[in-house]
Amino acid sequence: MQGPNNKKTASPPEQNKNNSKESKEKPSTSSQKNFFLAESQRRFFSGEKSVAKRSFSQRFGLYTGEEFSAIKVILHLSESVIQAILPWIILWGGYGFLISLLHYYGHVSKANSDIKAIPNIVISLNIVLSLLLIFRTNTAHDRFWEARKLWGGMVNTVRNLARRMCIVIQERQPEDRTEKEAVLRLVVAFAVAMKLHLRREPVNSELASLMSASKYYTLQDVNHPPLKIAYWIGDYFQHQHERECVDVMELNALHLLLDEMVNLLGGCERILKTPLPLVYTITLKMLLTFYFLLLPWELVTGLTWWTGPILAFLSCILLGVDEIGAEIEEPFGHDPNDLPLDSICKTMLRNIEDIYPSCQSLR
């Protein structure tokens, strides 16, 4: 007989099945782990693709549709800023060299001993100018970003209006297709006229290709071309309703989209006609001037002949930040750092040309 210690107990069949299942699942789990590991390694070693998408040239091309190298992008964006502040950089660099020359002949040490408050004044101006420049930059960026959101809303509204026009307005005669296509181009013409209006530019050949010659000549004598185009579009909607080519509910929806376009125009005009208060800009310029007048007297003791180059470098940074704020607070112009309104208008025109044939092919 076998003792209790020598007794062999048979495992239940269910346990054997579970063991066999676990043995089958273990290789699959390990294979999944190997797969995920290989996938993560592949993503890690192919990271240069993600880095390329974050490069200056790729981001600038995505923003404006123009293809430049990274160096050309930097030069293009900084060109307008450098041109505006370069005379001041040279002026303050020369002033720093003059202070170094006075220090060489011993005049600066006497002035510093007589005026012992210069270091404290410079420190106080550092704090005040930092806060003012931060406020200046944030305010300008808020205006820039609000303008971009308004133009993004314009793109979406134009798309929705064109899509709804293609679907809900019936075409009963061959001439209806031509008329609808002309009004669809007027929708894009509204955006182009809005761009010219915000840039304070007259009606030009950009609008000539989007409307008939009679309408183009009419716009040249109008004070507010976008509103005139909006009137033509709304009149077309009303005429189609009178012909019973669109019902009253769809007519109201079309007019709501047209009203939204006019509202977006008003939002951009609010940004254009409400600049940053001039007294704030004048105060900031005065404080910067006073700061650059005092700073080399504090730096020359330790920097000697390097005072001029260091002062020119610091003026480049501070004046550059101030000039960037001044440039983007009115984002509708032609400066490199303004909104790419030409590219946005071309995008809307391409969208219209894509939407209308696709709608017609369903009929």
Protein backbone atom coordinates (compact mmCIF):
# COMPACT_ATOMS: atom_id res chain seq x y z
CA MET A 1 0.00 0.00 0.00
CA GLN A 2 1.13 3.43 -0.63
CA GLY A 3 1.24 5.96 2.13
CA PRO A 4 -0.42 9.27 1.95
CA ASN A 5 2.85 10.89 1.01
CA ASN A 6 3.36 8.48 -1.87
CA LYS A 7 -0.16 8.73 -3.23
CA LYS A 8 -0.40 10.15 -6.73
CA THR A 9 -3.39 12.38 -7.25
CA ALA A 10 -4.71 12.81 -10.76
CA SER A 11 -5.52 16.32 -11.83
CA PRO A 12 -9.09 16.96 -12.91
CA PRO A 13 -9.77 17.15 -16.61
CA GLU A 14 -10.91 20.80 -16.33
CA GLN A 15 -7.59 21.75 -14.78
CA ASN A 16 -5.74 20.00 -17.59
CA LYS A 17 -7.79 21.96 -20.10
CA ASN A 18 -7.02 25.22 -18.31
CA ASN A 19 -3.32 24.38 -18.27
CA SER A 20 -3.39 23.64 -21.96
CA LYS A 21 -5.20 26.92 -22.62
CA GLU A 22 -2.68 28.87 -20.59
CA SER A 23 0.17 27.18 -22.43
CA LYS A 24 -1.43 28.20 -25.70
CA GLU A 25 -2.08 31.76 -24.56
CA LYS A 26 1.43 32.41 -23.28
CA PRO A 27 3.09 32.27 -26.70
CA SER A 28 0.38 34.54 -28.13
CA THR A 29 0.89 37.07 -25.33
CA SER A 30 4.63 37.03 -25.81
CA SER A 31 4.19 37.46 -29.55
CA GLN A 32 1.98 40.47 -28.95
CA LYS A 33 4.61 41.96 -26.69
CA ASN A 34 7.25 41.40 -29.34
CA PHE A 35 5.00 43.00 -31.93
CA PHE A 36 4.39 46.11 -29.83
CA LEU A 37 8.10 46.32 -29.02
CA ALA A 38 9.04 46.14 -32.68
CA GLU A 39 6.39 48.72 -33.53
CA SER A 40 7.67 51.14 -30.88
CA GLN A 41 11.23 50.67 -32.11
CA ARG A 42 10.14 51.33 -35.66
CA ARG A 43 8.39 54.53 -34.59
CA PHE A 44 11.42 55.58 -32.57
CA PHE A 45 13.92 55.06 -35.38
CA SER A 46 11.61 56.73 -37.90
CA GLY A 47 11.29 59.81 -35.69
CA GLU A 48 12.93 61.99 -38.31
CA LYS A 49 9.61 62.04 -40.17
CA SER A 50 7.87 63.65 -37.20
CA VAL A 51 10.76 66.04 -36.77
CA ALA A 52 10.50 67.03 -40.43
CA LYS A 53 6.86 67.93 -39.93
CA ARG A 54 7.89 70.32 -37.17
CA SER A 55 10.58 72.04 -39.22
CA PHE A 56 10.33 75.69 -40.19
CA SER A 57 9.91 74.98 -43.89
CA GLN A 58 7.13 72.39 -43.40
CA ARG A 59 5.19 74.51 -40.94
CA PHE A 60 5.56 77.62 -43.09
CA GLY A 61 4.42 75.71 -46.18
CA LEU A 62 1.41 74.35 -44.30
CA TYR A 63 0.54 77.87 -43.18
CA THR A 64 1.01 79.83 -46.40
CA GLY A 65 1.30 77.21 -49.15
CA GLU A 66 4.79 78.45 -50.09
CA GLU A 67 7.83 76.18 -50.12
CA PHE A 68 11.02 77.71 -48.71
CA SER A 69 14.07 76.26 -47.03
CA ALA A 70 14.46 76.78 -43.28
CA ILE A 71 17.00 79.59 -43.75
CA LYS A 72 14.79 81.39 -46.27
CA VAL A 73 11.82 81.09 -43.91
CA ILE A 74 13.79 82.72 -41.08
CA LEU A 75 15.08 85.49 -43.34
CA HIS A 76 11.63 86.03 -44.85
CA LEU A 77 9.86 86.33 -41.49
CA SER A 78 12.54 88.48 -39.86
CA GLU A 79 13.12 90.75 -42.86
CA SER A 80 10.43 93.30 -42.04
CA VAL A 81 11.32 93.37 -38.34
CA ILE A 82 15.06 93.83 -38.94
CA GLN A 83 14.47 96.60 -41.48
CA ALA A 84 12.35 98.52 -38.98
CA ILE A 85 14.75 98.32 -36.04
CA LEU A 86 18.16 98.28 -37.79
CA PRO A 87 18.69 102.08 -37.60
CA TRP A 88 17.97 101.99 -33.88
CA ILE A 89 20.34 99.06 -33.34
CA ILE A 90 23.14 101.00 -35.03
CA LEU A 91 22.27 104.12 -33.01
CA TRP A 92 22.36 102.36 -29.64
CA GLY A 93 25.49 100.41 -30.57
CA GLY A 94 27.23 103.69 -31.39
CA TYR A 95 25.98 105.18 -28.14
CA GLY A 96 27.44 102.23 -26.23
CA PHE A 97 30.79 102.77 -27.97
CA LEU A 98 30.67 106.45 -26.93
CA ILE A 99 30.15 105.44 -23.29
CA SER A 100 33.10 103.03 -23.58
CA LEU A 101 35.21 105.88 -24.89
CA LEU A 102 34.19 108.09 -21.96
CA HIS A 103 34.99 105.26 -19.58
CA TYR A 104 38.46 104.93 -21.14
CA TYR A 105 39.18 108.57 -20.28
CA GLY A 106 37.81 108.19 -16.75
CA HIS A 107 34.64 110.26 -17.03
CA VAL A 108 32.17 107.43 -16.36
CA SER A 109 33.58 106.48 -12.96
CA LYS A 110 33.13 110.06 -11.77
CA ALA A 111 29.52 110.15 -13.00
CA ASN A 112 28.72 106.79 -11.36
CA SER A 113 30.15 107.99 -8.05
CA ASP A 114 28.00 111.11 -8.23
CA ILE A 115 24.82 109.30 -9.35
CA LYS A 116 24.64 106.14 -7.23
CA ALA A 117 21.01 105.40 -8.09
CA ILE A 118 21.71 104.26 -11.67
CA PRO A 119 21.87 100.51 -10.82
CA ASN A 120 18.56 100.68 -8.93
CA ILE A 121 16.91 102.59 -11.78
CA VAL A 122 18.12 100.03 -14.32
CA ILE A 123 16.78 97.13 -12.22
CA SER A 124 13.40 98.85 -11.83
CA LEU A 125 13.19 99.51 -15.57
CA ASN A 126 14.03 95.85 -16.24
CA ILE A 127 10.95 94.77 -14.31
CA VAL A 128 8.64 97.42 -15.76
CA LEU A 129 9.72 96.85 -19.36
CA SER A 130 9.39 93.07 -19.02
CA LEU A 131 5.78 93.41 -17.88
CA LEU A 132 4.93 95.99 -20.54
CA LEU A 133 6.47 93.96 -23.37
CA ILE A 134 4.66 90.82 -22.22
CA PHE A 135 1.37 92.71 -22.18
CA ARG A 136 2.14 94.20 -25.58
CA THR A 137 2.94 90.83 -27.13
CA ASN A 138 -0.05 89.05 -25.60
CA THR A 139 -2.45 91.78 -26.72
CA ALA A 140 -1.10 91.73 -30.27
CA HIS A 141 -1.25 87.92 -30.41
CA ASP A 142 -4.85 87.92 -29.16
CA ARG A 143 -5.80 90.27 -31.99
CA PHE A 144 -3.89 88.11 -34.49
CA TRP A 145 -5.51 84.88 -33.27
CA GLU A 146 -9.00 86.38 -33.23
CA ALA A 147 -8.51 87.51 -36.83
CA ARG A 148 -7.39 84.01 -37.77
CA LYS A 149 -10.48 82.50 -36.16
CA LEU A 150 -12.70 84.92 -38.04
CA TRP A 151 -11.11 84.00 -41.36
CA GLY A 152 -11.34 80.33 -40.47
CA GLY A 153 -15.04 80.87 -39.84
CA MET A 154 -15.27 82.59 -43.22
CA VAL A 155 -13.78 79.52 -44.94
CA ASN A 156 -16.29 77.21 -43.23
CA THR A 157 -19.25 79.51 -43.94
CA VAL A 158 -18.33 79.79 -47.62
CA ARG A 159 -18.11 76.00 -47.85
CA ASN A 160 -21.47 75.51 -46.15
CA LEU A 161 -23.17 78.17 -48.24
CA ALA A 162 -21.80 76.76 -51.51
CA ARG A 163 -22.75 73.21 -50.55
CA ARG A 164 -26.28 74.22 -49.61
CA MET A 165 -26.71 76.27 -52.79
CA CYS A 166 -25.66 73.31 -54.93
CA ILE A 167 -28.10 70.98 -53.19
CA VAL A 168 -31.27 72.94 -52.42
CA ILE A 169 -31.58 75.41 -55.33
CA GLN A 170 -33.22 73.62 -58.22
CA GLU A 171 -32.10 73.99 -61.83
CA ARG A 172 -35.07 73.94 -64.19
CA GLN A 173 -33.46 75.51 -67.23
CA PRO A 174 -29.96 75.33 -68.73
CA GLU A 175 -29.44 78.98 -67.84
CA ASP A 176 -29.95 78.19 -64.16
CA ARG A 177 -26.68 76.28 -64.01
CA THR A 178 -24.74 79.23 -65.45
CA GLU A 179 -26.42 81.64 -63.07
CA LYS A 180 -25.73 79.43 -60.07
CA GLU A 181 -22.09 79.09 -61.03
CA ALA A 182 -21.81 82.88 -61.30
CA VAL A 183 -23.31 83.34 -57.83
CA LEU A 184 -20.98 80.69 -56.39
CA ARG A 185 -18.09 82.73 -57.71
CA LEU A 186 -19.64 85.80 -56.10
CA VAL A 187 -19.42 83.97 -52.76
CA VAL A 188 -15.64 83.75 -53.22
CA ALA A 189 -15.62 87.31 -54.52
CA PHE A 190 -17.11 88.41 -51.19
CA ALA A 191 -14.05 87.00 -49.39
CA VAL A 192 -11.65 88.59 -51.88
CA ALA A 193 -13.41 91.94 -51.60
CA MET A 194 -13.28 91.60 -47.83
CA LYS A 195 -9.51 91.06 -48.03
CA LEU A 196 -9.05 94.15 -50.21
CA HIS A 197 -11.32 96.17 -47.93
CA LEU A 198 -9.34 95.23 -44.82
CA ARG A 199 -6.11 96.13 -46.60
CA ARG A 200 -7.59 99.47 -47.70
CA GLU A 201 -6.93 98.59 -51.34
CA PRO A 202 -9.20 99.44 -54.29
CA VAL A 203 -11.04 96.90 -56.42
CA ASN A 204 -8.51 95.20 -58.70
CA SER A 205 -8.21 92.40 -61.24
CA GLU A 206 -8.61 89.69 -58.57
CA LEU A 207 -12.34 90.41 -58.60
CA ALA A 208 -12.59 90.78 -62.37
CA SER A 209 -12.26 87.03 -62.92
CA LEU A 210 -14.97 86.25 -60.33
CA MET A 211 -17.87 88.29 -61.78
CA SER A 212 -19.24 89.85 -64.89
CA ALA A 213 -17.78 93.03 -66.34
CA SER A 214 -20.86 95.09 -65.41
CA LYS A 215 -20.68 94.03 -61.77
CA TYR A 216 -16.93 94.67 -61.71
CA TYR A 217 -17.35 98.23 -62.97
CA THR A 218 -20.17 98.78 -60.48
CA LEU A 219 -17.92 97.78 -57.59
CA GLN A 220 -15.35 100.39 -58.55
CA ASP A 221 -17.81 103.14 -57.62
CA VAL A 222 -19.02 101.55 -54.37
CA ASN A 223 -17.75 102.59 -50.93
CA HIS A 224 -18.12 99.11 -49.42
CA PRO A 225 -17.69 96.39 -52.11
CA PRO A 226 -18.25 93.34 -49.81
CA LEU A 227 -21.69 94.60 -48.79
CA LYS A 228 -22.64 95.16 -52.43
CA ILE A 229 -21.66 91.58 -53.27
CA ALA A 230 -23.65 90.32 -50.28
CA TYR A 231 -26.66 92.23 -51.64
CA TRP A 232 -26.29 90.54 -55.05
CA ILE A 233 -26.10 87.09 -53.45
CA GLY A 234 -29.16 87.74 -51.27
CA ASP A 235 -31.09 89.09 -54.26
CA TYR A 236 -30.33 85.86 -56.12
CA PHE A 237 -31.72 83.82 -53.22
CA GLN A 238 -34.90 85.87 -53.16
CA HIS A 239 -35.33 85.57 -56.92
CA GLN A 240 -34.99 81.80 -56.77
CA HIS A 241 -37.61 81.68 -54.03
CA GLU A 242 -40.00 83.69 -56.17
CA ARG A 243 -39.42 81.18 -58.99
CA GLU A 244 -40.19 78.40 -56.47
CA CYS A 245 -36.77 76.88 -56.97
CA VAL A 246 -36.12 76.94 -53.21
CA ASP A 247 -38.60 76.71 -50.32
CA VAL A 248 -38.91 79.22 -47.53
CA MET A 249 -37.08 77.13 -44.92
CA GLU A 250 -34.04 76.69 -47.13
CA LEU A 251 -34.25 80.36 -48.07
CA ASN A 252 -33.96 81.30 -44.40
CA ALA A 253 -31.02 78.93 -43.96
CA LEU A 254 -29.23 80.48 -46.93
CA HIS A 255 -29.83 83.99 -45.61
CA LEU A 256 -28.49 82.97 -42.18
CA LEU A 257 -25.25 81.78 -43.75
CA LEU A 258 -25.01 85.03 -45.72
CA ASP A 259 -25.62 87.00 -42.52
CA GLU A 260 -22.83 85.05 -40.85
CA MET A 261 -20.43 86.11 -43.60
CA VAL A 262 -21.35 89.76 -42.99
CA ASN A 263 -20.91 89.26 -39.24
CA LEU A 264 -17.42 87.85 -39.79
CA LEU A 265 -16.63 90.90 -41.92
CA GLY A 266 -17.76 93.13 -39.05
CA GLY A 267 -15.52 91.25 -36.61
CA CYS A 268 -12.49 91.87 -38.80
CA GLU A 269 -13.42 95.54 -39.15
CA ARG A 270 -13.59 95.79 -35.36
CA ILE A 271 -9.97 94.57 -35.11
CA LEU A 272 -8.86 96.89 -37.91
CA LYS A 273 -10.53 100.03 -36.59
CA THR A 274 -9.70 99.55 -32.90
CA PRO A 275 -5.90 99.57 -32.66
CA LEU A 276 -3.90 99.46 -29.45
CA PRO A 277 -4.17 102.87 -27.73
CA LEU A 278 -1.46 105.15 -29.06
CA VAL A 279 -0.60 106.49 -25.61
CA TYR A 280 0.47 102.99 -24.59
CA THR A 281 2.82 102.71 -27.56
CA ILE A 282 4.30 106.15 -26.88
CA THR A 283 4.89 105.32 -23.21
CA LEU A 284 6.61 102.06 -24.09
CA LYS A 285 8.90 103.80 -26.59
CA MET A 286 9.83 106.46 -24.04
CA LEU A 287 10.67 103.87 -21.39
CA LEU A 288 12.79 101.88 -23.86
CA THR A 289 14.69 105.02 -24.81
CA PHE A 290 15.31 105.95 -21.19
CA TYR A 291 16.41 102.38 -20.46
CA PHE A 292 18.95 102.31 -23.30
CA LEU A 293 20.30 105.69 -22.23
CA LEU A 294 21.05 104.46 -18.70
CA LEU A 295 22.02 100.83 -19.32
CA PRO A 296 25.55 101.36 -20.76
CA TRP A 297 26.53 103.44 -17.71
CA GLU A 298 25.85 100.35 -15.63
CA LEU A 299 27.49 97.87 -18.03
CA VAL A 300 30.62 99.73 -19.03
CA THR A 301 32.46 99.04 -15.78
CA GLY A 302 32.53 95.32 -16.41
CA LEU A 303 32.31 95.16 -20.20
CA THR A 304 34.51 98.15 -21.19
CA TRP A 305 34.82 98.03 -25.03
CA TRP A 306 32.14 95.32 -25.32
CA THR A 307 29.47 97.75 -24.13
CA GLY A 308 28.55 98.84 -27.67
CA PRO A 309 28.01 95.35 -29.13
CA ILE A 310 26.13 94.14 -26.03
CA LEU A 311 23.89 97.20 -26.05
CA ALA A 312 23.20 96.68 -29.76
CA PHE A 313 22.30 93.04 -29.09
CA LEU A 314 19.97 93.92 -26.21
CA SER A 315 18.30 96.64 -28.25
CA CYS A 316 17.80 94.15 -31.08
CA ILE A 317 15.96 91.79 -28.71
CA LEU A 318 13.76 94.35 -26.95
CA LEU A 319 12.99 96.47 -29.99
CA GLY A 320 12.40 93.31 -32.02
CA VAL A 321 9.77 92.08 -29.55
CA ASP A 322 8.11 95.51 -29.63
CA GLU A 323 8.16 95.58 -33.44
CA ILE A 324 6.70 92.07 -33.70
CA GLY A 325 3.80 93.19 -31.52
CA ALA A 326 3.30 96.26 -33.70
CA GLU A 327 3.35 94.12 -36.86
CA ILE A 328 0.87 91.42 -35.86
CA GLU A 329 -1.63 93.70 -34.11
CA GLU A 330 -2.96 94.54 -37.60
CA PRO A 331 -2.81 91.09 -39.25
CA PHE A 332 -4.49 91.91 -42.56
CA GLY A 333 -1.58 93.52 -44.43
CA HIS A 334 1.21 92.26 -46.66
CA ASP A 335 3.90 91.83 -44.00
CA PRO A 336 5.49 88.35 -43.82
CA ASN A 337 4.08 87.82 -40.31
CA ASP A 338 0.51 88.81 -41.25
CA LEU A 339 -2.24 86.36 -42.07
CA PRO A 340 -1.86 84.63 -45.46
CA LEU A 341 -5.12 86.04 -46.80
CA ASP A 342 -4.17 85.41 -50.43
CA SER A 343 -3.68 81.71 -49.70
CA ILE A 344 -6.95 81.54 -47.74
CA CYS A 345 -8.90 83.11 -50.62
CA LYS A 346 -7.33 80.70 -53.10
CA THR A 347 -8.36 77.83 -50.84
CA MET A 348 -11.97 79.01 -50.90
CA LEU A 349 -11.92 79.26 -54.69
CA ARG A 350 -10.58 75.70 -54.98
CA ASN A 351 -13.27 74.48 -52.59
CA ILE A 352 -16.00 76.07 -54.71
CA GLU A 353 -14.59 74.53 -57.89
CA ASP A 354 -14.52 71.13 -56.19
CA ILE A 355 -17.98 71.34 -54.66
CA TYR A 356 -20.01 72.44 -57.65
CA PRO A 357 -19.08 69.72 -60.17
CA SER A 358 -19.45 67.02 -57.50
CA CYS A 359 -22.96 68.29 -56.72
CA GLN A 360 -23.90 68.32 -60.40
CA SER A 361 -22.74 64.74 -60.94
CA LEU A 362 -25.38 63.52 -58.46
CA ARG A 363 -28.28 64.88 -60.50
